Amino acid sequence: SGDASSNYRYEVALYRGNSQVHKAETSSARYDFYP
């Protein structure tokens, strides 16, 4: 909210169905899970 996405640290996790495939941390409001 408030377009302040770049001021935070994030944890992201990718799932296929209910299974976790990949987890990472980033300071950006985007992440490329395709690989």
Full PDB file with SEQRES, HELIX, SHEET, SSBOND, CRYST1, ORIGX, SCALE, CONECT and MASTER records, all heavy atoms in Angstrom:
SEQRES   1 A   35  SER GLY ASP ALA SER SER ASN TYR ARG TYR GLU VAL ALA          
SEQRES   2 A   35  LEU TYR ARG GLY ASN SER GLN VAL HIS LYS ALA GLU THR          
SEQRES   3 A   35  SER SER ALA ARG TYR ASP PHE TYR PRO                          
HELIX    1 AA1 SER A    5  ASN A    7  5                                   3    
SHEET    1 AA1 2 TYR A  10  ARG A  16  0                                        
SHEET    2 AA1 2 SER A  19  THR A  26 -1                                        
CRYST1    1.000    1.000    1.000  90.00  90.00  90.00 P 1           1          
ORIGX1      1.000000  0.000000  0.000000        0.00000                         
ORIGX2      0.000000  1.000000  0.000000        0.00000                         
ORIGX3      0.000000  0.000000  1.000000        0.00000                         
SCALE1      1.000000  0.000000  0.000000        0.00000                         
SCALE2      0.000000  1.000000  0.000000        0.00000                         
SCALE3      0.000000  0.000000  1.000000        0.00000                         
ATOM      1  N   SER A   1       0.838  -1.189   0.000  1.00  0.00           N  
ATOM      2  CA  SER A   1       0.000   0.000   0.000  1.00  0.00           C  
ATOM      3  C   SER A   1       0.877   1.244   0.000  1.00  0.00           C  
ATOM      4  O   SER A   1       1.966   1.240   0.569  1.00  0.00           O  
ATOM      5  CB  SER A   1      -0.918   0.019   1.234  1.00  0.00           C  
ATOM      6  OG  SER A   1      -0.151   0.075   2.417  1.00  0.00           O  
ATOM      7  N   GLY A   2       0.417   2.272  -0.662  1.00  0.00           N  
ATOM      8  CA  GLY A   2       1.158   3.521  -0.685  1.00  0.00           C  
ATOM      9  C   GLY A   2       2.344   3.504  -1.628  1.00  0.00           C  
ATOM     10  O   GLY A   2       3.190   4.380  -1.586  1.00  0.00           O  
ATOM     11  N   ASP A   3       2.432   2.501  -2.506  1.00  0.00           N  
ATOM     12  CA  ASP A   3       3.504   2.425  -3.495  1.00  0.00           C  
ATOM     13  C   ASP A   3       4.882   2.502  -2.846  1.00  0.00           C  
ATOM     14  O   ASP A   3       5.776   3.193  -3.311  1.00  0.00           O  
ATOM     15  CB  ASP A   3       3.341   3.543  -4.537  1.00  0.00           C  
ATOM     16  CG  ASP A   3       4.195   3.301  -5.774  1.00  0.00           C  
ATOM     17  OD1 ASP A   3       4.456   2.121  -6.092  1.00  0.00           O  
ATOM     18  OD2 ASP A   3       4.594   4.294  -6.422  1.00  0.00           O  
ATOM     19  N   ALA A   4       5.061   1.774  -1.739  1.00  0.00           N  
ATOM     20  CA  ALA A   4       6.348   1.785  -1.029  1.00  0.00           C  
ATOM     21  C   ALA A   4       7.006   0.419  -1.090  1.00  0.00           C  
ATOM     22  O   ALA A   4       7.698   0.006  -0.171  1.00  0.00           O  
ATOM     23  CB  ALA A   4       6.133   2.207   0.419  1.00  0.00           C  
ATOM     24  N   SER A   5       6.796  -0.305  -2.201  1.00  0.00           N  
ATOM     25  CA  SER A   5       7.241  -1.693  -2.296  1.00  0.00           C  
ATOM     26  C   SER A   5       8.751  -1.847  -2.183  1.00  0.00           C  
ATOM     27  O   SER A   5       9.259  -2.893  -1.778  1.00  0.00           O  
ATOM     28  CB  SER A   5       6.760  -2.294  -3.621  1.00  0.00           C  
ATOM     29  OG  SER A   5       5.354  -2.247  -3.709  1.00  0.00           O  
ATOM     30  N   SER A   6       9.500  -0.808  -2.556  1.00  0.00           N  
ATOM     31  CA  SER A   6      10.955  -0.924  -2.580  1.00  0.00           C  
ATOM     32  C   SER A   6      11.601  -0.711  -1.208  1.00  0.00           C  
ATOM     33  O   SER A   6      12.810  -0.828  -1.077  1.00  0.00           O  
ATOM     34  CB  SER A   6      11.535   0.090  -3.569  1.00  0.00           C  
ATOM     35  OG  SER A   6      11.217   1.412  -3.171  1.00  0.00           O  
ATOM     36  N   ASN A   7      10.788  -0.410  -0.160  1.00  0.00           N  
ATOM     37  CA  ASN A   7      11.352  -0.109   1.155  1.00  0.00           C  
ATOM     38  C   ASN A   7      11.363  -1.313   2.085  1.00  0.00           C  
ATOM     39  O   ASN A   7      11.601  -1.159   3.281  1.00  0.00           O  
ATOM     40  CB  ASN A   7      10.554   1.030   1.804  1.00  0.00           C  
ATOM     41  CG  ASN A   7      10.625   2.306   0.998  1.00  0.00           C  
ATOM     42  OD1 ASN A   7      11.633   2.569   0.345  1.00  0.00           O  
ATOM     43  ND2 ASN A   7       9.578   3.098   1.036  1.00  0.00           N  
ATOM     44  N   TYR A   8      11.114  -2.505   1.562  1.00  0.00           N  
ATOM     45  CA  TYR A   8      10.964  -3.673   2.413  1.00  0.00           C  
ATOM     46  C   TYR A   8      11.859  -4.825   1.944  1.00  0.00           C  
ATOM     47  O   TYR A   8      12.395  -4.825   0.834  1.00  0.00           O  
ATOM     48  CB  TYR A   8       9.502  -4.149   2.412  1.00  0.00           C  
ATOM     49  CG  TYR A   8       8.518  -3.144   2.955  1.00  0.00           C  
ATOM     50  CD1 TYR A   8       7.858  -2.242   2.112  1.00  0.00           C  
ATOM     51  CD2 TYR A   8       8.240  -3.084   4.310  1.00  0.00           C  
ATOM     52  CE1 TYR A   8       6.958  -1.321   2.609  1.00  0.00           C  
ATOM     53  CE2 TYR A   8       7.328  -2.161   4.825  1.00  0.00           C  
ATOM     54  CZ  TYR A   8       6.691  -1.286   3.966  1.00  0.00           C  
ATOM     55  OH  TYR A   8       5.800  -0.375   4.461  1.00  0.00           O  
ATOM     56  N   ARG A   9      11.974  -5.809   2.837  1.00  0.00           N  
ATOM     57  CA  ARG A   9      12.620  -7.069   2.519  1.00  0.00           C  
ATOM     58  C   ARG A   9      11.536  -8.133   2.474  1.00  0.00           C  
ATOM     59  O   ARG A   9      10.642  -8.147   3.324  1.00  0.00           O  
ATOM     60  CB  ARG A   9      13.657  -7.419   3.590  1.00  0.00           C  
ATOM     61  CG  ARG A   9      14.464  -8.681   3.308  1.00  0.00           C  
ATOM     62  CD  ARG A   9      15.491  -8.441   2.238  1.00  0.00           C  
ATOM     63  NE  ARG A   9      16.335  -9.628   2.021  1.00  0.00           N  
ATOM     64  CZ  ARG A   9      17.156  -9.755   1.003  1.00  0.00           C  
ATOM     65  NH1 ARG A   9      17.259  -8.778   0.106  1.00  0.00           N  
ATOM     66  NH2 ARG A   9      17.891 -10.827   0.861  1.00  0.00           N  
ATOM     67  N   TYR A  10      11.595  -9.015   1.460  1.00  0.00           N  
ATOM     68  CA  TYR A  10      10.529  -9.988   1.264  1.00  0.00           C  
ATOM     69  C   TYR A  10      11.068 -11.413   1.280  1.00  0.00           C  
ATOM     70  O   TYR A  10      12.215 -11.673   0.890  1.00  0.00           O  
ATOM     71  CB  TYR A  10       9.838  -9.760  -0.086  1.00  0.00           C  
ATOM     72  CG  TYR A  10       9.287  -8.374  -0.284  1.00  0.00           C  
ATOM     73  CD1 TYR A  10      10.010  -7.410  -0.984  1.00  0.00           C  
ATOM     74  CD2 TYR A  10       8.040  -8.025   0.221  1.00  0.00           C  
ATOM     75  CE1 TYR A  10       9.506  -6.137  -1.176  1.00  0.00           C  
ATOM     76  CE2 TYR A  10       7.526  -6.755   0.034  1.00  0.00           C  
ATOM     77  CZ  TYR A  10       8.266  -5.808  -0.662  1.00  0.00           C  
ATOM     78  OH  TYR A  10       7.765  -4.557  -0.842  1.00  0.00           O  
ATOM     79  N   GLU A  11      10.213 -12.319   1.716  1.00  0.00           N  
ATOM     80  CA  GLU A  11      10.444 -13.747   1.560  1.00  0.00           C  
ATOM     81  C   GLU A  11       9.383 -14.266   0.594  1.00  0.00           C  
ATOM     82  O   GLU A  11       8.193 -13.982   0.758  1.00  0.00           O  
ATOM     83  CB  GLU A  11      10.344 -14.460   2.897  1.00  0.00           C  
ATOM     84  CG  GLU A  11      10.679 -15.942   2.812  1.00  0.00           C  
ATOM     85  CD  GLU A  11      10.665 -16.622   4.182  1.00  0.00           C  
ATOM     86  OE1 GLU A  11       9.931 -16.136   5.069  1.00  0.00           O  
ATOM     87  OE2 GLU A  11      11.383 -17.616   4.347  1.00  0.00           O  
ATOM     88  N   VAL A  12       9.804 -15.006  -0.433  1.00  0.00           N  
ATOM     89  CA  VAL A  12       8.889 -15.521  -1.437  1.00  0.00           C  
ATOM     90  C   VAL A  12       9.059 -17.032  -1.544  1.00  0.00           C  
ATOM     91  O   VAL A  12      10.151 -17.569  -1.314  1.00  0.00           O  
ATOM     92  CB  VAL A  12       9.134 -14.870  -2.815  1.00  0.00           C  
ATOM     93  CG1 VAL A  12       8.773 -13.396  -2.789  1.00  0.00           C  
ATOM     94  CG2 VAL A  12      10.585 -15.033  -3.253  1.00  0.00           C  
ATOM     95  N   ALA A  13       7.980 -17.715  -1.894  1.00  0.00           N  
ATOM     96  CA  ALA A  13       8.022 -19.176  -2.010  1.00  0.00           C  
ATOM     97  C   ALA A  13       7.126 -19.610  -3.162  1.00  0.00           C  
ATOM     98  O   ALA A  13       5.997 -19.118  -3.301  1.00  0.00           O  
ATOM     99  CB  ALA A  13       7.573 -19.833  -0.709  1.00  0.00           C  
ATOM    100  N   LEU A  14       7.641 -20.521  -3.979  1.00  0.00           N  
ATOM    101  CA  LEU A  14       6.912 -21.052  -5.133  1.00  0.00           C  
ATOM    102  C   LEU A  14       6.384 -22.445  -4.801  1.00  0.00           C  
ATOM    103  O   LEU A  14       7.090 -23.265  -4.206  1.00  0.00           O  
ATOM    104  CB  LEU A  14       7.845 -21.124  -6.347  1.00  0.00           C  
ATOM    105  CG  LEU A  14       7.273 -21.783  -7.609  1.00  0.00           C  
ATOM    106  CD1 LEU A  14       6.180 -20.906  -8.224  1.00  0.00           C  
ATOM    107  CD2 LEU A  14       8.387 -22.040  -8.634  1.00  0.00           C  
ATOM    108  N   TYR A  15       5.135 -22.704  -5.214  1.00  0.00           N  
ATOM    109  CA  TYR A  15       4.509 -24.001  -4.971  1.00  0.00           C  
ATOM    110  C   TYR A  15       3.962 -24.577  -6.273  1.00  0.00           C  
ATOM    111  O   TYR A  15       3.411 -23.849  -7.111  1.00  0.00           O  
ATOM    112  CB  TYR A  15       3.353 -23.861  -3.972  1.00  0.00           C  
ATOM    113  CG  TYR A  15       3.789 -23.503  -2.576  1.00  0.00           C  
ATOM    114  CD1 TYR A  15       4.065 -22.178  -2.243  1.00  0.00           C  
ATOM    115  CD2 TYR A  15       3.939 -24.482  -1.606  1.00  0.00           C  
ATOM    116  CE1 TYR A  15       4.478 -21.833  -0.964  1.00  0.00           C  
ATOM    117  CE2 TYR A  15       4.342 -24.153  -0.313  1.00  0.00           C  
ATOM    118  CZ  TYR A  15       4.611 -22.834  -0.001  1.00  0.00           C  
ATOM    119  OH  TYR A  15       5.020 -22.500   1.268  1.00  0.00           O  
ATOM    120  N   ARG A  16       4.125 -25.892  -6.428  1.00  0.00           N  
ATOM    121  CA  ARG A  16       3.430 -26.645  -7.476  1.00  0.00           C  
ATOM    122  C   ARG A  16       2.424 -27.518  -6.753  1.00  0.00           C  
ATOM    123  O   ARG A  16       2.783 -28.455  -6.035  1.00  0.00           O  
ATOM    124  CB  ARG A  16       4.394 -27.505  -8.297  1.00  0.00           C  
ATOM    125  CG  ARG A  16       3.716 -28.211  -9.477  1.00  0.00           C  
ATOM    126  CD  ARG A  16       4.688 -29.021 -10.309  1.00  0.00           C  
ATOM    127  NE  ARG A  16       5.260 -30.138  -9.562  1.00  0.00           N  
ATOM    128  CZ  ARG A  16       6.485 -30.179  -9.086  1.00  0.00           C  
ATOM    129  NH1 ARG A  16       7.311 -29.158  -9.275  1.00  0.00           N  
ATOM    130  NH2 ARG A  16       6.921 -31.223  -8.406  1.00  0.00           N  
ATOM    131  N   GLY A  17       1.155 -27.151  -6.901  1.00  0.00           N  
ATOM    132  CA  GLY A  17       0.151 -27.795  -6.067  1.00  0.00           C  
ATOM    133  C   GLY A  17       0.383 -27.390  -4.622  1.00  0.00           C  
ATOM    134  O   GLY A  17       0.464 -26.213  -4.289  1.00  0.00           O  
ATOM    135  N   ASN A  18       0.533 -28.384  -3.735  1.00  0.00           N  
ATOM    136  CA  ASN A  18       0.798 -28.108  -2.320  1.00  0.00           C  
ATOM    137  C   ASN A  18       2.264 -28.264  -1.954  1.00  0.00           C  
ATOM    138  O   ASN A  18       2.634 -28.135  -0.782  1.00  0.00           O  
ATOM    139  CB  ASN A  18      -0.043 -29.045  -1.442  1.00  0.00           C  
ATOM    140  CG  ASN A  18      -1.528 -28.785  -1.566  1.00  0.00           C  
ATOM    141  OD1 ASN A  18      -1.957 -27.640  -1.692  1.00  0.00           O  
ATOM    142  ND2 ASN A  18      -2.324 -29.851  -1.558  1.00  0.00           N  
ATOM    143  N   SER A  19       3.107 -28.561  -2.933  1.00  0.00           N  
ATOM    144  CA  SER A  19       4.527 -28.817  -2.670  1.00  0.00           C  
ATOM    145  C   SER A  19       5.357 -27.557  -2.916  1.00  0.00           C  
ATOM    146  O   SER A  19       5.241 -26.930  -3.979  1.00  0.00           O  
ATOM    147  CB  SER A  19       5.038 -29.947  -3.564  1.00  0.00           C  
ATOM    148  OG  SER A  19       4.324 -31.144  -3.321  1.00  0.00           O  
ATOM    149  N   GLN A  20       6.179 -27.199  -1.939  1.00  0.00           N  
ATOM    150  CA  GLN A  20       7.063 -26.049  -2.114  1.00  0.00           C  
ATOM    151  C   GLN A  20       8.207 -26.420  -3.044  1.00  0.00           C  
ATOM    152  O   GLN A  20       8.872 -27.429  -2.862  1.00  0.00           O  
ATOM    153  CB  GLN A  20       7.605 -25.588  -0.768  1.00  0.00           C  
ATOM    154  CG  GLN A  20       8.505 -24.361  -0.861  1.00  0.00           C  
ATOM    155  CD  GLN A  20       8.944 -23.850   0.492  1.00  0.00           C  
ATOM    156  OE1 GLN A  20       8.128 -23.404   1.288  1.00  0.00           O  
ATOM    157  NE2 GLN A  20      10.240 -23.934   0.765  1.00  0.00           N  
ATOM    158  N   VAL A  21       8.435 -25.570  -4.037  1.00  0.00           N  
ATOM    159  CA  VAL A  21       9.468 -25.814  -5.043  1.00  0.00           C  
ATOM    160  C   VAL A  21      10.713 -24.983  -4.782  1.00  0.00           C  
ATOM    161  O   VAL A  21      11.845 -25.454  -4.934  1.00  0.00           O  
ATOM    162  CB  VAL A  21       8.919 -25.509  -6.461  1.00  0.00           C  
ATOM    163  CG1 VAL A  21      10.012 -25.685  -7.514  1.00  0.00           C  
ATOM    164  CG2 VAL A  21       7.723 -26.403  -6.770  1.00  0.00           C  
ATOM    165  N   HIS A  22      10.517 -23.752  -4.352  1.00  0.00           N  
ATOM    166  CA  HIS A  22      11.658 -22.842  -4.189  1.00  0.00           C  
ATOM    167  C   HIS A  22      11.280 -21.738  -3.210  1.00  0.00           C  
ATOM    168  O   HIS A  22      10.134 -21.282  -3.173  1.00  0.00           O  
ATOM    169  CB  HIS A  22      12.037 -22.227  -5.539  1.00  0.00           C  
ATOM    170  CG  HIS A  22      13.155 -21.234  -5.475  1.00  0.00           C  
ATOM    171  ND1 HIS A  22      14.431 -21.579  -5.100  1.00  0.00           N  
ATOM    172  CD2 HIS A  22      13.184 -19.891  -5.734  1.00  0.00           C  
ATOM    173  CE1 HIS A  22      15.204 -20.506  -5.138  1.00  0.00           C  
ATOM    174  NE2 HIS A  22      14.473 -19.477  -5.510  1.00  0.00           N  
ATOM    175  N   LYS A  23      12.262 -21.305  -2.385  1.00  0.00           N  
ATOM    176  CA  LYS A  23      12.069 -20.188  -1.457  1.00  0.00           C  
ATOM    177  C   LYS A  23      13.279 -19.272  -1.538  1.00  0.00           C  
ATOM    178  O   LYS A  23      14.411 -19.739  -1.708  1.00  0.00           O  
ATOM    179  CB  LYS A  23      11.880 -20.681  -0.020  1.00  0.00           C  
ATOM    180  CG  LYS A  23      11.652 -19.558   0.997  1.00  0.00           C  
ATOM    181  CD  LYS A  23      11.555 -20.078   2.414  1.00  0.00           C  
ATOM    182  CE  LYS A  23      10.207 -20.704   2.662  1.00  0.00           C  
ATOM    183  NZ  LYS A  23      10.023 -21.059   4.109  1.00  0.00           N  
ATOM    184  N   ALA A  24      13.044 -17.963  -1.432  1.00  0.00           N  
ATOM    185  CA  ALA A  24      14.150 -17.002  -1.552  1.00  0.00           C  
ATOM    186  C   ALA A  24      13.772 -15.716  -0.833  1.00  0.00           C  
ATOM    187  O   ALA A  24      12.620 -15.516  -0.431  1.00  0.00           O  
ATOM    188  CB  ALA A  24      14.467 -16.726  -3.012  1.00  0.00           C  
ATOM    189  N   GLU A  25      14.760 -14.831  -0.669  1.00  0.00           N  
ATOM    190  CA  GLU A  25      14.554 -13.494  -0.130  1.00  0.00           C  
ATOM    191  C   GLU A  25      14.980 -12.475  -1.177  1.00  0.00           C  
ATOM    192  O   GLU A  25      15.903 -12.716  -1.962  1.00  0.00           O  
ATOM    193  CB  GLU A  25      15.366 -13.281   1.150  1.00  0.00           C  
ATOM    194  CG  GLU A  25      14.916 -14.141   2.307  1.00  0.00           C  
ATOM    195  CD  GLU A  25      15.698 -13.847   3.581  1.00  0.00           C  
ATOM    196  OE1 GLU A  25      16.441 -12.831   3.605  1.00  0.00           O  
ATOM    197  OE2 GLU A  25      15.578 -14.623   4.544  1.00  0.00           O  
ATOM    198  N   THR A  26      14.297 -11.336  -1.197  1.00  0.00           N  
ATOM    199  CA  THR A  26      14.611 -10.294  -2.163  1.00  0.00           C  
ATOM    200  C   THR A  26      14.178  -8.940  -1.612  1.00  0.00           C  
ATOM    201  O   THR A  26      13.292  -8.862  -0.758  1.00  0.00           O  
ATOM    202  CB  THR A  26      13.907 -10.555  -3.515  1.00  0.00           C  
ATOM    203  OG1 THR A  26      14.198  -9.492  -4.434  1.00  0.00           O  
ATOM    204  CG2 THR A  26      12.395 -10.647  -3.340  1.00  0.00           C  
ATOM    205  N   SER A  27      14.799  -7.877  -2.090  1.00  0.00           N  
ATOM    206  CA  SER A  27      14.402  -6.516  -1.730  1.00  0.00           C  
ATOM    207  C   SER A  27      13.584  -5.868  -2.832  1.00  0.00           C  
ATOM    208  O   SER A  27      13.212  -4.697  -2.726  1.00  0.00           O  
ATOM    209  CB  SER A  27      15.647  -5.658  -1.448  1.00  0.00           C  
ATOM    210  OG  SER A  27      16.339  -6.139  -0.317  1.00  0.00           O  
ATOM    211  N   SER A  28      13.302  -6.620  -3.885  1.00  0.00           N  
ATOM    212  CA  SER A  28      12.500  -6.120  -4.992  1.00  0.00           C  
ATOM    213  C   SER A  28      11.079  -6.640  -4.876  1.00  0.00           C  
ATOM    214  O   SER A  28      10.828  -7.672  -4.249  1.00  0.00           O  
ATOM    215  CB  SER A  28      13.109  -6.568  -6.321  1.00  0.00           C  
ATOM    216  OG  SER A  28      12.261  -6.247  -7.398  1.00  0.00           O  
ATOM    217  N   ALA A  29      10.137  -5.931  -5.490  1.00  0.00           N  
ATOM    218  CA  ALA A  29       8.740  -6.369  -5.486  1.00  0.00           C  
ATOM    219  C   ALA A  29       8.446  -7.234  -6.708  1.00  0.00           C  
ATOM    220  O   ALA A  29       7.345  -7.180  -7.265  1.00  0.00           O  
ATOM    221  CB  ALA A  29       7.815  -5.159  -5.450  1.00  0.00           C  
ATOM    222  N   ARG A  30       9.418  -8.042  -7.105  1.00  0.00           N  
ATOM    223  CA  ARG A  30       9.245  -8.956  -8.239  1.00  0.00           C  
ATOM    224  C   ARG A  30      10.251 -10.085  -8.117  1.00  0.00           C  
ATOM    225  O   ARG A  30      11.296  -9.940  -7.476  1.00  0.00           O  
ATOM    226  CB  ARG A  30       9.441  -8.217  -9.567  1.00  0.00           C  
ATOM    227  CG  ARG A  30      10.818  -7.574  -9.715  1.00  0.00           C  
ATOM    228  CD  ARG A  30      10.949  -6.820 -11.011  1.00  0.00           C  
ATOM    229  NE  ARG A  30      10.049  -5.688 -11.063  1.00  0.00           N  
ATOM    230  CZ  ARG A  30       9.898  -4.912 -12.133  1.00  0.00           C  
ATOM    231  NH1 ARG A  30      10.571  -5.165 -13.229  1.00  0.00           N  
ATOM    232  NH2 ARG A  30       9.068  -3.886 -12.102  1.00  0.00           N  
ATOM    233  N   TYR A  31       9.935 -11.215  -8.731  1.00  0.00           N  
ATOM    234  CA  TYR A  31      10.848 -12.353  -8.685  1.00  0.00           C  
ATOM    235  C   TYR A  31      10.539 -13.261  -9.869  1.00  0.00           C  
ATOM    236  O   TYR A  31       9.375 -13.475 -10.220  1.00  0.00           O  
ATOM    237  CB  TYR A  31      10.688 -13.133  -7.381  1.00  0.00           C  
ATOM    238  CG  TYR A  31      11.834 -14.072  -7.083  1.00  0.00           C  
ATOM    239  CD1 TYR A  31      12.962 -13.620  -6.408  1.00  0.00           C  
ATOM    240  CD2 TYR A  31      11.804 -15.400  -7.485  1.00  0.00           C  
ATOM    241  CE1 TYR A  31      14.024 -14.468  -6.135  1.00  0.00           C  
ATOM    242  CE2 TYR A  31      12.854 -16.257  -7.218  1.00  0.00           C  
ATOM    243  CZ  TYR A  31      13.959 -15.789  -6.544  1.00  0.00           C  
ATOM    244  OH  TYR A  31      15.016 -16.629  -6.279  1.00  0.00           O  
ATOM    245  N   ASP A  32      11.588 -13.803 -10.489  1.00  0.00           N  
ATOM    246  CA  ASP A  32      11.432 -14.694 -11.632  1.00  0.00           C  
ATOM    247  C   ASP A  32      11.533 -16.144 -11.162  1.00  0.00           C  
ATOM    248  O   ASP A  32      12.627 -16.646 -10.906  1.00  0.00           O  
ATOM    249  CB  ASP A  32      12.500 -14.393 -12.686  1.00  0.00           C  
ATOM    250  CG  ASP A  32      12.300 -15.219 -13.948  1.00  0.00           C  
ATOM    251  OD1 ASP A  32      11.233 -15.850 -14.080  1.00  0.00           O  
ATOM    252  OD2 ASP A  32      13.203 -15.240 -14.796  1.00  0.00           O  
ATOM    253  N   PHE A  33      10.391 -16.796 -11.056  1.00  0.00           N  
ATOM    254  CA  PHE A  33      10.357 -18.196 -10.629  1.00  0.00           C  
ATOM    255  C   PHE A  33      10.525 -19.171 -11.799  1.00  0.00           C  
ATOM    256  O   PHE A  33      10.653 -20.376 -11.568  1.00  0.00           O  
ATOM    257  CB  PHE A  33       9.021 -18.500  -9.937  1.00  0.00           C  
ATOM    258  CG  PHE A  33       8.936 -18.014  -8.515  1.00  0.00           C  
ATOM    259  CD1 PHE A  33       7.987 -17.071  -8.145  1.00  0.00           C  
ATOM    260  CD2 PHE A  33       9.788 -18.516  -7.545  1.00  0.00           C  
ATOM    261  CE1 PHE A  33       7.896 -16.642  -6.833  1.00  0.00           C  
ATOM    262  CE2 PHE A  33       9.708 -18.086  -6.227  1.00  0.00           C  
ATOM    263  CZ  PHE A  33       8.761 -17.144  -5.872  1.00  0.00           C  
ATOM    264  N   TYR A  34      10.497 -18.675 -13.034  1.00  0.00           N  
ATOM    265  CA  TYR A  34      10.443 -19.590 -14.169  1.00  0.00           C  
ATOM    266  C   TYR A  34      11.568 -20.632 -14.183  1.00  0.00           C  
ATOM    267  O   TYR A  34      11.307 -21.804 -14.495  1.00  0.00           O  
ATOM    268  CB  TYR A  34      10.439 -18.816 -15.490  1.00  0.00           C  
ATOM    269  CG  TYR A  34      10.328 -19.734 -16.688  1.00  0.00           C  
ATOM    270  CD1 TYR A  34       9.131 -20.382 -16.983  1.00  0.00           C  
ATOM    271  CD2 TYR A  34      11.432 -19.979 -17.509  1.00  0.00           C  
ATOM    272  CE1 TYR A  34       9.030 -21.243 -18.064  1.00  0.00           C  
ATOM    273  CE2 TYR A  34      11.344 -20.843 -18.586  1.00  0.00           C  
ATOM    274  CZ  TYR A  34      10.140 -21.474 -18.859  1.00  0.00           C  
ATOM    275  OH  TYR A  34      10.050 -22.340 -19.918  1.00  0.00           O  
ATOM    276  N   PRO A  35      12.821 -20.276 -13.876  1.00  0.00           N  
ATOM    277  CA  PRO A  35      13.869 -21.306 -13.917  1.00  0.00           C  
ATOM    278  C   PRO A  35      13.581 -22.512 -13.025  1.00  0.00           C  
ATOM    279  O   PRO A  35      14.169 -23.579 -13.228  1.00  0.00           O  
ATOM    280  CB  PRO A  35      15.114 -20.548 -13.442  1.00  0.00           C  
ATOM    281  CG  PRO A  35      14.853 -19.125 -13.811  1.00  0.00           C  
ATOM    282  CD  PRO A  35      13.386 -18.951 -13.566  1.00  0.00           C  
TER     283      PRO A  35                                                      
MASTER        0    0    0    1    2    0    0    6  282    1    0    3          
END                                                                             
